[in-house]
Amino acid sequence: MTTTMPPRILLGSTNPAKIDRLRDCLEGWAFDFITVDNLPPHEPPEETGSTHLEIAEAKAVDWARISGGLAIASDGGIDIPALGPNWDSLLTRRAAGQDATDEDRVQHLPELMEHLESNSDREATWKEALVIALPPGIVQTWEVTGPTGVIQREPSAKRIEGFWLASLWYFPDMRKTYTELTTSELAQVGDPWLNLKSQVQAWLADGRYEGLGTLSF
């Protein structure tokens, strides 16, 4: 009897929160998950591109090349229109400096927005792109926008390791930051990761999982 091995896939991130969400997008399907810790010494992918999708594509392709097999990676950032040229969502993680800690970032953004008083001026919308790749190229891409919340002046005491901005991102209708929302509340506000998971699950269910299992590494 021939035993079919589940497709191996690299969760292409060093961010613990991101790794959890990448794995969750593939929940229920028999993947053999590996992380970057399972790889030989390597240089991490550079974040190059003019959009979140382009950056996610570059990262996924590079992780696939490094691992020699399927890789899933993403890139996201917060869009804050009132900051104009003083903010670039592509640089969300690096806005406080290349070597900044999450605590540095949590302090830097409210300081940057100190002059903005109203909730309408402090509105911020998340964008996230997700890509599966296999050497030498891209297998599938997804991209979502939303939801829109408000950047608080002070972070919530509840944090998500790796998602520093979540403790500042407040939803007035819920009277909670992103870190405080329940699963049902995340669905109500339109959590980008739940949206991505729904799309990935639909794609896999449409016969794509079996196709991944037959791809060559």
N, C-alpha and C. Protein backbone atom coordinates (compact mmCIF):
# COMPACT_ATOMS: atom_id res chain seq x y z
N MET A 1 0.85 -1.19 0.00
CA MET A 1 0.00 0.00 0.00
C MET A 1 0.88 1.24 0.00
N THR A 2 0.56 2.20 -0.84
CA THR A 2 1.34 3.43 -0.93
C THR A 2 0.83 4.45 0.09
N THR A 3 1.72 4.97 0.87
CA THR A 3 1.36 5.99 1.86
C THR A 3 1.72 7.36 1.31
N THR A 4 0.72 8.24 1.27
CA THR A 4 0.95 9.60 0.78
C THR A 4 1.36 10.49 1.94
N MET A 5 2.53 11.07 1.81
CA MET A 5 3.02 11.96 2.88
C MET A 5 2.33 13.31 2.77
N PRO A 6 1.97 13.93 3.90
CA PRO A 6 1.37 15.27 3.84
C PRO A 6 2.38 16.28 3.31
N PRO A 7 1.93 17.29 2.60
CA PRO A 7 2.87 18.29 2.08
C PRO A 7 3.55 19.04 3.22
N ARG A 8 4.86 19.16 3.12
CA ARG A 8 5.62 19.94 4.09
C ARG A 8 5.51 21.42 3.73
N ILE A 9 5.36 22.27 4.73
CA ILE A 9 5.27 23.71 4.45
C ILE A 9 5.97 24.49 5.56
N LEU A 10 6.75 25.45 5.14
CA LEU A 10 7.46 26.31 6.09
C LEU A 10 6.58 27.48 6.48
N LEU A 11 6.46 27.71 7.78
CA LEU A 11 5.78 28.90 8.29
C LEU A 11 6.82 30.02 8.31
N GLY A 12 6.80 30.85 7.28
CA GLY A 12 7.89 31.78 7.01
C GLY A 12 7.85 33.05 7.83
N SER A 13 8.21 32.95 9.09
CA SER A 13 8.28 34.12 9.96
C SER A 13 9.09 33.77 11.20
N THR A 14 9.66 34.80 11.83
CA THR A 14 10.30 34.63 13.13
C THR A 14 9.44 35.25 14.24
N ASN A 15 8.30 35.81 13.85
CA ASN A 15 7.38 36.47 14.78
C ASN A 15 6.43 35.43 15.36
N PRO A 16 6.42 35.23 16.68
CA PRO A 16 5.59 34.17 17.26
C PRO A 16 4.10 34.33 16.98
N ALA A 17 3.60 35.56 17.01
CA ALA A 17 2.19 35.79 16.72
C ALA A 17 1.88 35.49 15.26
N LYS A 18 2.78 35.88 14.37
CA LYS A 18 2.59 35.62 12.95
C LYS A 18 2.63 34.11 12.66
N ILE A 19 3.54 33.40 13.28
CA ILE A 19 3.62 31.95 13.10
C ILE A 19 2.30 31.29 13.49
N ASP A 20 1.72 31.71 14.61
CA ASP A 20 0.44 31.16 15.06
C ASP A 20 -0.65 31.39 14.03
N ARG A 21 -0.67 32.58 13.44
CA ARG A 21 -1.72 32.90 12.47
C ARG A 21 -1.52 32.20 11.14
N LEU A 22 -0.27 32.06 10.71
CA LEU A 22 -0.01 31.31 9.49
C LEU A 22 -0.46 29.86 9.65
N ARG A 23 -0.15 29.28 10.80
CA ARG A 23 -0.56 27.90 11.06
C ARG A 23 -2.09 27.81 11.11
N ASP A 24 -2.72 28.80 11.73
CA ASP A 24 -4.17 28.78 11.87
C ASP A 24 -4.88 28.86 10.52
N CYS A 25 -4.28 29.58 9.57
CA CYS A 25 -4.88 29.68 8.23
C CYS A 25 -4.98 28.31 7.56
N LEU A 26 -4.09 27.39 7.96
CA LEU A 26 -4.04 26.06 7.35
C LEU A 26 -4.66 24.99 8.26
N GLU A 27 -5.36 25.44 9.30
CA GLU A 27 -5.94 24.52 10.28
C GLU A 27 -6.86 23.50 9.61
N GLY A 28 -6.75 22.26 10.07
CA GLY A 28 -7.65 21.23 9.59
C GLY A 28 -7.13 20.45 8.40
N TRP A 29 -5.99 20.87 7.87
CA TRP A 29 -5.40 20.18 6.72
C TRP A 29 -4.08 19.55 7.15
N ALA A 30 -3.81 18.37 6.60
CA ALA A 30 -2.67 17.57 7.08
C ALA A 30 -1.34 18.04 6.49
N PHE A 31 -0.90 19.20 6.94
CA PHE A 31 0.41 19.71 6.55
C PHE A 31 1.47 19.25 7.55
N ASP A 32 2.66 19.08 7.06
CA ASP A 32 3.82 18.85 7.91
C ASP A 32 4.48 20.22 8.10
N PHE A 33 4.19 20.85 9.23
CA PHE A 33 4.67 22.21 9.48
C PHE A 33 6.13 22.20 9.93
N ILE A 34 6.92 23.11 9.36
CA ILE A 34 8.25 23.37 9.88
C ILE A 34 8.38 24.88 10.09
N THR A 35 9.29 25.26 10.94
CA THR A 35 9.53 26.68 11.19
C THR A 35 10.96 27.02 10.78
N VAL A 36 11.27 28.30 10.81
CA VAL A 36 12.61 28.72 10.40
C VAL A 36 13.69 28.16 11.32
N ASP A 37 13.31 27.76 12.53
CA ASP A 37 14.27 27.15 13.45
C ASP A 37 14.73 25.78 12.95
N ASN A 38 13.94 25.17 12.06
CA ASN A 38 14.29 23.86 11.51
C ASN A 38 15.25 23.95 10.33
N LEU A 39 15.55 25.17 9.89
CA LEU A 39 16.38 25.36 8.70
C LEU A 39 17.85 25.47 9.07
N PRO A 40 18.72 25.17 8.13
CA PRO A 40 20.15 25.41 8.36
C PRO A 40 20.41 26.90 8.45
N PRO A 41 21.57 27.34 8.92
CA PRO A 41 21.88 28.77 9.02
C PRO A 41 21.60 29.48 7.70
N HIS A 42 20.95 30.64 7.80
CA HIS A 42 20.53 31.35 6.60
C HIS A 42 20.37 32.83 6.90
N GLU A 43 20.38 33.63 5.85
CA GLU A 43 20.04 35.04 5.97
C GLU A 43 18.53 35.18 5.76
N PRO A 44 17.81 35.86 6.66
CA PRO A 44 16.37 36.00 6.47
C PRO A 44 16.06 36.84 5.23
N PRO A 45 14.89 36.64 4.63
CA PRO A 45 14.52 37.40 3.44
C PRO A 45 14.49 38.90 3.70
N GLU A 46 14.87 39.68 2.70
CA GLU A 46 14.76 41.13 2.79
C GLU A 46 13.33 41.54 2.47
N GLU A 47 12.87 42.60 3.13
CA GLU A 47 11.51 43.09 2.89
C GLU A 47 11.56 44.14 1.79
N THR A 48 11.51 43.68 0.55
CA THR A 48 11.59 44.59 -0.59
C THR A 48 10.29 44.53 -1.38
N GLY A 49 9.84 45.70 -1.85
CA GLY A 49 8.62 45.80 -2.64
C GLY A 49 7.93 47.11 -2.38
N SER A 50 7.04 47.49 -3.28
CA SER A 50 6.34 48.77 -3.16
C SER A 50 4.93 48.62 -2.60
N THR A 51 4.51 47.38 -2.34
CA THR A 51 3.21 47.10 -1.71
C THR A 51 3.40 45.96 -0.73
N HIS A 52 2.42 45.78 0.15
CA HIS A 52 2.48 44.65 1.08
C HIS A 52 2.46 43.33 0.32
N LEU A 53 1.70 43.27 -0.76
CA LEU A 53 1.65 42.04 -1.53
C LEU A 53 3.00 41.72 -2.16
N GLU A 54 3.65 42.72 -2.71
CA GLU A 54 4.96 42.50 -3.32
C GLU A 54 5.98 42.02 -2.27
N ILE A 55 5.92 42.61 -1.09
CA ILE A 55 6.84 42.20 -0.02
C ILE A 55 6.54 40.77 0.43
N ALA A 56 5.25 40.45 0.59
CA ALA A 56 4.88 39.09 0.98
C ALA A 56 5.31 38.08 -0.07
N GLU A 57 5.16 38.43 -1.34
CA GLU A 57 5.59 37.55 -2.42
C GLU A 57 7.09 37.30 -2.36
N ALA A 58 7.85 38.38 -2.18
CA ALA A 58 9.31 38.25 -2.12
C ALA A 58 9.73 37.39 -0.94
N LYS A 59 9.08 37.59 0.22
CA LYS A 59 9.43 36.79 1.40
C LYS A 59 9.08 35.32 1.19
N ALA A 60 7.88 35.04 0.65
CA ALA A 60 7.46 33.66 0.47
C ALA A 60 8.37 32.94 -0.52
N VAL A 61 8.71 33.61 -1.62
CA VAL A 61 9.59 33.00 -2.62
C VAL A 61 10.97 32.73 -2.03
N ASP A 62 11.47 33.68 -1.23
CA ASP A 62 12.79 33.51 -0.63
C ASP A 62 12.78 32.39 0.41
N TRP A 63 11.73 32.35 1.24
CA TRP A 63 11.64 31.27 2.23
C TRP A 63 11.52 29.91 1.54
N ALA A 64 10.79 29.86 0.43
CA ALA A 64 10.67 28.61 -0.32
C ALA A 64 12.02 28.17 -0.87
N ARG A 65 12.77 29.14 -1.35
CA ARG A 65 14.11 28.83 -1.87
C ARG A 65 15.02 28.32 -0.75
N ILE A 66 14.97 28.99 0.40
CA ILE A 66 15.83 28.60 1.52
C ILE A 66 15.46 27.21 2.04
N SER A 67 14.15 26.92 2.11
CA SER A 67 13.69 25.63 2.67
C SER A 67 13.66 24.53 1.63
N GLY A 68 13.61 24.90 0.35
CA GLY A 68 13.54 23.91 -0.71
C GLY A 68 12.17 23.30 -0.89
N GLY A 69 11.15 23.94 -0.37
CA GLY A 69 9.79 23.41 -0.50
C GLY A 69 8.75 24.50 -0.36
N LEU A 70 7.52 24.10 -0.08
CA LEU A 70 6.44 25.06 0.11
C LEU A 70 6.73 25.98 1.28
N ALA A 71 6.35 27.25 1.13
CA ALA A 71 6.46 28.22 2.22
C ALA A 71 5.26 29.13 2.19
N ILE A 72 4.82 29.55 3.35
CA ILE A 72 3.75 30.52 3.46
C ILE A 72 4.28 31.71 4.26
N ALA A 73 4.04 32.91 3.76
CA ALA A 73 4.54 34.12 4.42
C ALA A 73 3.55 35.25 4.19
N SER A 74 3.69 36.28 4.99
CA SER A 74 2.77 37.41 4.85
C SER A 74 3.50 38.72 5.14
N ASP A 75 2.83 39.81 4.79
CA ASP A 75 3.33 41.13 5.15
C ASP A 75 2.12 42.03 5.38
N GLY A 76 2.20 42.84 6.42
CA GLY A 76 1.08 43.72 6.72
C GLY A 76 1.54 44.99 7.38
N GLY A 77 0.64 45.95 7.48
CA GLY A 77 0.95 47.21 8.12
C GLY A 77 -0.29 48.04 8.31
N ILE A 78 -0.16 49.08 9.11
CA ILE A 78 -1.29 49.94 9.44
C ILE A 78 -1.23 51.22 8.61
N ASP A 79 -2.35 51.58 8.01
CA ASP A 79 -2.48 52.79 7.22
C ASP A 79 -3.10 53.87 8.10
N ILE A 80 -2.40 55.01 8.26
CA ILE A 80 -2.89 56.11 9.11
C ILE A 80 -2.94 57.37 8.25
N PRO A 81 -4.07 57.62 7.58
CA PRO A 81 -4.15 58.72 6.62
C PRO A 81 -3.77 60.09 7.17
N ALA A 82 -4.13 60.38 8.43
CA ALA A 82 -3.89 61.72 8.98
C ALA A 82 -2.41 62.04 9.13
N LEU A 83 -1.56 61.03 9.15
CA LEU A 83 -0.12 61.28 9.28
C LEU A 83 0.53 61.60 7.93
N GLY A 84 -0.20 61.39 6.85
CA GLY A 84 0.31 61.75 5.53
C GLY A 84 1.68 61.16 5.26
N PRO A 85 2.62 62.00 4.78
CA PRO A 85 3.95 61.50 4.43
C PRO A 85 4.80 61.11 5.64
N ASN A 86 4.30 61.37 6.84
CA ASN A 86 5.06 61.01 8.04
C ASN A 86 4.87 59.55 8.45
N TRP A 87 4.05 58.84 7.66
CA TRP A 87 3.83 57.43 7.99
C TRP A 87 3.71 56.62 6.72
N ASP A 88 4.34 55.46 6.70
CA ASP A 88 4.27 54.53 5.58
C ASP A 88 3.92 53.16 6.14
N SER A 89 2.78 52.62 5.74
CA SER A 89 2.35 51.33 6.29
C SER A 89 3.37 50.23 6.01
N LEU A 90 4.13 50.37 4.93
CA LEU A 90 5.14 49.35 4.60
C LEU A 90 6.24 49.30 5.64
N LEU A 91 6.38 50.38 6.39
CA LEU A 91 7.45 50.47 7.39
C LEU A 91 6.91 50.39 8.81
N THR A 92 5.71 49.83 8.98
CA THR A 92 5.07 49.79 10.29
C THR A 92 6.00 49.25 11.38
N ARG A 93 6.64 48.12 11.11
CA ARG A 93 7.51 47.51 12.12
C ARG A 93 8.80 48.28 12.31
N ARG A 94 9.24 48.98 11.26
CA ARG A 94 10.54 49.65 11.31
C ARG A 94 10.45 51.16 11.53
N ALA A 95 9.25 51.68 11.76
CA ALA A 95 9.07 53.13 11.87
C ALA A 95 9.84 53.73 13.03
N ALA A 96 10.03 52.97 14.10
CA ALA A 96 10.75 53.48 15.27
C ALA A 96 12.24 53.18 15.19
N GLY A 97 12.68 52.61 14.06
CA GLY A 97 14.09 52.26 13.89
C GLY A 97 14.26 50.78 13.59
N GLN A 98 15.28 50.46 12.84
CA GLN A 98 15.50 49.09 12.40
C GLN A 98 15.66 48.13 13.57
N ASP A 99 16.29 48.57 14.65
CA ASP A 99 16.55 47.70 15.79
C ASP A 99 15.63 47.97 16.98
N ALA A 100 14.51 48.66 16.72
CA ALA A 100 13.59 49.00 17.80
C ALA A 100 12.94 47.76 18.40
N THR A 101 12.66 47.83 19.69
CA THR A 101 11.91 46.76 20.36
C THR A 101 10.42 47.06 20.25
N ASP A 102 9.59 46.09 20.62
CA ASP A 102 8.14 46.33 20.61
C ASP A 102 7.78 47.47 21.55
N GLU A 103 8.48 47.58 22.66
CA GLU A 103 8.20 48.67 23.60
C GLU A 103 8.56 50.01 22.98
N ASP A 104 9.66 50.06 22.24
CA ASP A 104 10.03 51.29 21.52
C ASP A 104 8.92 51.68 20.55
N ARG A 105 8.39 50.70 19.84
CA ARG A 105 7.35 50.96 18.84
C ARG A 105 6.07 51.45 19.49
N VAL A 106 5.70 50.84 20.62
CA VAL A 106 4.49 51.22 21.34
C VAL A 106 4.58 52.66 21.84
N GLN A 107 5.76 53.13 22.14
CA GLN A 107 5.95 54.51 22.59
C GLN A 107 6.05 55.48 21.42
N HIS A 108 6.67 55.04 20.33
CA HIS A 108 6.95 55.92 19.21
C HIS A 108 5.68 56.39 18.49
N LEU A 109 4.76 55.46 18.20
CA LEU A 109 3.58 55.83 17.42
C LEU A 109 2.69 56.86 18.13
N PRO A 110 2.34 56.68 19.41
CA PRO A 110 1.54 57.72 20.08
C PRO A 110 2.24 59.09 20.11
N GLU A 111 3.56 59.09 20.23
CA GLU A 111 4.30 60.35 20.21
C GLU A 111 4.18 61.01 18.83
N LEU A 112 4.22 60.21 17.79
CA LEU A 112 4.10 60.71 16.43
C LEU A 112 2.71 61.30 16.18
N MET A 113 1.71 60.77 16.89
CA MET A 113 0.32 61.19 16.69
C MET A 113 -0.17 62.13 17.77
N GLU A 114 0.73 62.63 18.58
CA GLU A 114 0.35 63.46 19.74
C GLU A 114 -0.52 64.65 19.35
N HIS A 115 -0.29 65.23 18.18
CA HIS A 115 -1.01 66.43 17.75
C HIS A 115 -2.40 66.13 17.22
N LEU A 116 -2.73 64.86 17.06
CA LEU A 116 -4.04 64.48 16.53
C LEU A 116 -5.01 64.23 17.68
N GLU A 117 -6.07 65.03 17.73
CA GLU A 117 -6.98 64.98 18.87
C GLU A 117 -8.19 64.09 18.67
N SER A 118 -8.88 64.22 17.53
CA SER A 118 -10.16 63.53 17.34
C SER A 118 -9.96 62.08 16.91
N ASN A 119 -10.97 61.28 17.20
CA ASN A 119 -10.93 59.88 16.78
C ASN A 119 -10.85 59.75 15.27
N SER A 120 -11.51 60.67 14.56
CA SER A 120 -11.50 60.59 13.10
C SER A 120 -10.09 60.81 12.55
N ASP A 121 -9.31 61.66 13.23
CA ASP A 121 -7.93 61.88 12.80
C ASP A 121 -7.01 60.74 13.21
N ARG A 122 -7.43 59.95 14.17
CA ARG A 122 -6.59 58.87 14.67
C ARG A 122 -7.00 57.50 14.10
N GLU A 123 -7.87 57.53 13.07
CA GLU A 123 -8.31 56.29 12.46
C GLU A 123 -7.16 55.58 11.75
N ALA A 124 -7.17 54.27 11.82
CA ALA A 124 -6.10 53.47 11.23
C ALA A 124 -6.67 52.14 10.72
N THR A 125 -6.26 51.76 9.52
CA THR A 125 -6.78 50.56 8.87
C THR A 125 -5.64 49.59 8.57
N TRP A 126 -5.85 48.33 8.92
CA TRP A 126 -4.81 47.33 8.70
C TRP A 126 -4.91 46.70 7.32
N LYS A 127 -3.74 46.43 6.72
CA LYS A 127 -3.66 45.72 5.44
C LYS A 127 -2.75 44.51 5.64
N GLU A 128 -3.12 43.39 5.05
CA GLU A 128 -2.30 42.19 5.16
C GLU A 128 -2.35 41.40 3.85
N ALA A 129 -1.20 40.94 3.42
CA ALA A 129 -1.09 40.09 2.23
C ALA A 129 -0.47 38.76 2.63
N LEU A 130 -0.95 37.69 2.02
CA LEU A 130 -0.52 36.33 2.36
C LEU A 130 -0.18 35.59 1.07
N VAL A 131 0.92 34.84 1.09
CA VAL A 131 1.39 34.19 -0.13
C VAL A 131 1.91 32.79 0.19
N ILE A 132 1.56 31.83 -0.67
CA ILE A 132 2.18 30.51 -0.65
C ILE A 132 3.07 30.42 -1.88
N ALA A 133 4.29 29.93 -1.68
CA ALA A 133 5.25 29.83 -2.78
C ALA A 133 5.94 28.48 -2.75
N LEU A 134 6.48 28.11 -3.89
CA LEU A 134 7.27 26.90 -4.06
C LEU A 134 8.32 27.21 -5.11
N PRO A 135 9.59 26.83 -4.87
CA PRO A 135 10.60 27.14 -5.87
C PRO A 135 10.16 26.65 -7.26
N PRO A 136 10.22 27.51 -8.27
CA PRO A 136 10.89 28.81 -8.24
C PRO A 136 9.95 30.01 -8.13
N GLY A 137 8.65 29.79 -7.81
CA GLY A 137 7.75 30.93 -7.85
C GLY A 137 6.54 30.84 -6.95
N ILE A 138 5.53 31.64 -7.24
CA ILE A 138 4.35 31.82 -6.40
C ILE A 138 3.26 30.81 -6.76
N VAL A 139 2.64 30.22 -5.74
CA VAL A 139 1.54 29.29 -5.92
C VAL A 139 0.20 30.02 -5.82
N GLN A 140 0.03 30.87 -4.78
CA GLN A 140 -1.23 31.57 -4.58
C GLN A 140 -1.02 32.80 -3.70
N THR A 141 -1.83 33.83 -3.94
CA THR A 141 -1.76 35.05 -3.12
C THR A 141 -3.15 35.46 -2.65
N TRP A 142 -3.18 36.15 -1.53
CA TRP A 142 -4.40 36.75 -0.99
C TRP A 142 -4.03 38.11 -0.41
N GLU A 143 -5.01 39.03 -0.39
CA GLU A 143 -4.76 40.35 0.18
C GLU A 143 -6.07 40.89 0.75
N VAL A 144 -6.01 41.41 1.98
CA VAL A 144 -7.21 41.96 2.62
C VAL A 144 -6.92 43.35 3.19
N THR A 145 -7.97 44.14 3.30
CA THR A 145 -7.89 45.47 3.91
C THR A 145 -8.99 45.58 4.96
N GLY A 146 -8.61 46.08 6.13
CA GLY A 146 -9.58 46.28 7.18
C GLY A 146 -9.26 45.40 8.37
N PRO A 147 -9.85 45.74 9.48
CA PRO A 147 -10.83 46.79 9.73
C PRO A 147 -10.18 48.13 10.08
N THR A 148 -11.03 49.13 10.37
CA THR A 148 -10.56 50.44 10.78
C THR A 148 -10.84 50.64 12.27
N GLY A 149 -9.79 51.00 12.97
CA GLY A 149 -9.91 51.32 14.38
C GLY A 149 -9.27 52.67 14.65
N VAL A 150 -8.98 52.94 15.91
CA VAL A 150 -8.41 54.21 16.34
C VAL A 150 -7.13 53.92 17.14
N ILE A 151 -6.08 54.69 16.88
CA ILE A 151 -4.84 54.52 17.64
C ILE A 151 -4.96 55.26 18.97
N GLN A 152 -4.87 54.51 20.07
CA GLN A 152 -4.95 55.09 21.41
C GLN A 152 -3.66 55.83 21.76
N ARG A 153 -3.77 56.68 22.78
CA ARG A 153 -2.60 57.39 23.29
C ARG A 153 -1.77 56.51 24.22
N GLU A 154 -2.42 55.55 24.85
CA GLU A 154 -1.74 54.63 25.76
C GLU A 154 -2.09 53.20 25.38
N PRO A 155 -1.13 52.29 25.47
CA PRO A 155 -1.42 50.89 25.12
C PRO A 155 -2.24 50.19 26.19
N SER A 156 -2.97 49.18 25.77
CA SER A 156 -3.65 48.31 26.71
C SER A 156 -2.62 47.50 27.49
N ALA A 157 -2.99 47.12 28.70
CA ALA A 157 -2.10 46.27 29.49
C ALA A 157 -2.00 44.87 28.90
N LYS A 158 -3.00 44.50 28.12
CA LYS A 158 -2.99 43.18 27.49
C LYS A 158 -2.23 43.25 26.18
N ARG A 159 -1.21 42.44 26.03
CA ARG A 159 -0.37 42.47 24.84
C ARG A 159 -0.41 41.11 24.13
N ILE A 160 -0.05 41.13 22.86
CA ILE A 160 0.17 39.92 22.07
C ILE A 160 1.62 39.97 21.62
N GLU A 161 2.45 39.04 22.09
CA GLU A 161 3.86 39.07 21.74
C GLU A 161 4.03 38.99 20.23
N GLY A 162 4.73 39.97 19.67
CA GLY A 162 4.94 40.00 18.23
C GLY A 162 4.00 40.91 17.49
N PHE A 163 2.83 41.21 18.08
CA PHE A 163 1.86 42.14 17.47
C PHE A 163 1.79 43.38 18.35
N TRP A 164 2.85 44.19 18.34
CA TRP A 164 2.94 45.33 19.25
C TRP A 164 1.82 46.33 19.04
N LEU A 165 1.41 46.56 17.80
CA LEU A 165 0.43 47.60 17.52
C LEU A 165 -0.96 47.25 18.03
N ALA A 166 -1.22 45.96 18.21
CA ALA A 166 -2.55 45.50 18.62
C ALA A 166 -2.99 46.10 19.94
N SER A 167 -2.04 46.42 20.83
CA SER A 167 -2.40 46.99 22.13
C SER A 167 -2.77 48.47 22.04
N LEU A 168 -2.48 49.10 20.91
CA LEU A 168 -2.84 50.51 20.69
C LEU A 168 -4.08 50.67 19.81
N TRP A 169 -4.44 49.63 19.10
CA TRP A 169 -5.49 49.68 18.07
C TRP A 169 -6.84 49.45 18.73
N TYR A 170 -7.62 50.52 18.84
CA TYR A 170 -8.84 50.54 19.64
C TYR A 170 -10.07 50.59 18.75
N PHE A 171 -11.11 49.85 19.17
CA PHE A 171 -12.37 49.81 18.41
C PHE A 171 -13.48 50.43 19.27
N PRO A 172 -13.84 51.68 18.98
CA PRO A 172 -14.80 52.40 19.83
C PRO A 172 -16.12 51.68 20.05
N ASP A 173 -16.66 51.04 19.01
CA ASP A 173 -17.94 50.35 19.18
C ASP A 173 -17.86 49.22 20.19
N MET A 174 -16.70 48.60 20.29
CA MET A 174 -16.49 47.50 21.23
C MET A 174 -15.93 47.98 22.56
N ARG A 175 -15.37 49.20 22.54
CA ARG A 175 -14.70 49.75 23.71
C ARG A 175 -13.55 48.85 24.16
N LYS A 176 -12.85 48.31 23.19
CA LYS A 176 -11.73 47.41 23.46
C LYS A 176 -10.64 47.61 22.41
N THR A 177 -9.41 47.30 22.82
CA THR A 177 -8.33 47.23 21.83
C THR A 177 -8.39 45.86 21.17
N TYR A 178 -7.62 45.73 20.10
CA TYR A 178 -7.56 44.46 19.37
C TYR A 178 -7.17 43.32 20.29
N THR A 179 -6.25 43.56 21.20
CA THR A 179 -5.77 42.50 22.09
C THR A 179 -6.85 42.02 23.06
N GLU A 180 -7.88 42.82 23.27
CA GLU A 180 -8.92 42.49 24.24
C GLU A 180 -10.16 41.87 23.61
N LEU A 181 -10.21 41.83 22.28
CA LEU A 181 -11.39 41.31 21.60
C LEU A 181 -11.48 39.79 21.69
N THR A 182 -12.69 39.28 21.88
CA THR A 182 -12.93 37.84 21.84
C THR A 182 -12.96 37.39 20.38
N THR A 183 -12.98 36.10 20.17
CA THR A 183 -13.02 35.57 18.80
C THR A 183 -14.26 36.06 18.06
N SER A 184 -15.41 36.05 18.73
CA SER A 184 -16.64 36.52 18.07
C SER A 184 -16.58 38.01 17.78
N GLU A 185 -15.95 38.77 18.67
CA GLU A 185 -15.81 40.20 18.44
C GLU A 185 -14.83 40.49 17.30
N LEU A 186 -13.78 39.68 17.20
CA LEU A 186 -12.85 39.82 16.08
C LEU A 186 -13.60 39.61 14.76
N ALA A 187 -14.48 38.63 14.74
CA ALA A 187 -15.27 38.37 13.53
C ALA A 187 -16.19 39.56 13.22
N GLN A 188 -16.76 40.18 14.26
CA GLN A 188 -17.66 41.32 14.06
C GLN A 188 -16.93 42.52 13.46
N VAL A 189 -15.71 42.78 13.92
CA VAL A 189 -15.00 43.95 13.41
C VAL A 189 -14.34 43.69 12.06
N GLY A 190 -14.24 42.40 11.67
CA GLY A 190 -13.63 42.07 10.39
C GLY A 190 -12.13 41.86 10.49
N ASP A 191 -11.72 41.06 11.47
CA ASP A 191 -10.30 40.78 11.68
C ASP A 191 -9.65 40.29 10.37
N PRO A 192 -8.55 40.92 9.96
CA PRO A 192 -7.93 40.51 8.69
C PRO A 192 -7.45 39.06 8.68
N TRP A 193 -7.01 38.55 9.82
CA TRP A 193 -6.54 37.17 9.85
C TRP A 193 -7.67 36.17 9.75
N LEU A 194 -8.82 36.48 10.33
CA LEU A 194 -9.98 35.60 10.14
C LEU A 194 -10.44 35.64 8.69
N ASN A 195 -10.38 36.80 8.08
CA ASN A 195 -10.73 36.94 6.67
C ASN A 195 -9.80 36.12 5.80
N LEU A 196 -8.49 36.24 6.05
CA LEU A 196 -7.53 35.47 5.28
C LEU A 196 -7.74 33.96 5.48
N LYS A 197 -7.97 33.56 6.71
CA LYS A 197 -8.18 32.13 6.99
C LYS A 197 -9.36 31.60 6.19
N SER A 198 -10.45 32.37 6.15
CA SER A 198 -11.63 31.95 5.39
C SER A 198 -11.29 31.74 3.92
N GLN A 199 -10.52 32.66 3.35
CA GLN A 199 -10.16 32.56 1.94
C GLN A 199 -9.21 31.39 1.67
N VAL A 200 -8.25 31.20 2.55
CA VAL A 200 -7.31 30.09 2.38
C VAL A 200 -8.03 28.75 2.51
N GLN A 201 -8.91 28.65 3.50
CA GLN A 201 -9.65 27.42 3.70
C GLN A 201 -10.53 27.08 2.49
N ALA A 202 -11.16 28.11 1.92
CA ALA A 202 -11.99 27.89 0.73
C ALA A 202 -11.14 27.42 -0.44
N TRP A 203 -9.95 28.00 -0.57
CA TRP A 203 -9.03 27.63 -1.66
C TRP A 203 -8.56 26.19 -1.51
N LEU A 204 -8.23 25.80 -0.29
CA LEU A 204 -7.78 24.42 -0.05
C LEU A 204 -8.92 23.43 -0.29
N ALA A 205 -10.12 23.82 0.13
CA ALA A 205 -11.27 22.92 -0.04
C ALA A 205 -11.66 22.75 -1.50
N ASP A 206 -11.26 23.69 -2.33
CA ASP A 206 -11.60 23.64 -3.76
C ASP A 206 -10.62 22.75 -4.53
N GLY A 207 -10.15 21.70 -3.87
CA GLY A 207 -9.27 20.74 -4.52
C GLY A 207 -7.81 21.14 -4.55
N ARG A 208 -7.47 22.27 -3.95
CA ARG A 208 -6.09 22.75 -4.03
C ARG A 208 -5.15 22.00 -3.10
N TYR A 209 -5.70 21.46 -2.00
CA TYR A 209 -4.83 20.74 -1.06
C TYR A 209 -4.19 19.53 -1.74
N GLU A 210 -5.02 18.76 -2.47
CA GLU A 210 -4.48 17.59 -3.14
C GLU A 210 -3.41 17.99 -4.15
N GLY A 211 -3.60 19.13 -4.79
CA GLY A 211 -2.61 19.61 -5.74
C GLY A 211 -1.30 19.95 -5.08
N LEU A 212 -1.36 20.50 -3.89
CA LEU A 212 -0.13 20.83 -3.17
C LEU A 212 0.65 19.57 -2.82
N GLY A 213 -0.08 18.50 -2.52
CA GLY A 213 0.58 17.26 -2.16
C GLY A 213 1.33 16.61 -3.31
N THR A 214 1.01 16.99 -4.55
CA THR A 214 1.67 16.39 -5.71
C THR A 214 2.78 17.27 -6.28
N LEU A 215 2.96 18.47 -5.72
CA LEU A 215 4.02 19.36 -6.22
C LEU A 215 5.38 18.82 -5.82
N SER A 216 6.34 19.04 -6.67
CA SER A 216 7.70 18.56 -6.40
C SER A 216 8.48 19.56 -5.57
N PHE A 217 9.27 19.07 -4.64
CA PHE A 217 10.13 19.92 -3.81
C PHE A 217 11.55 19.88 -4.40
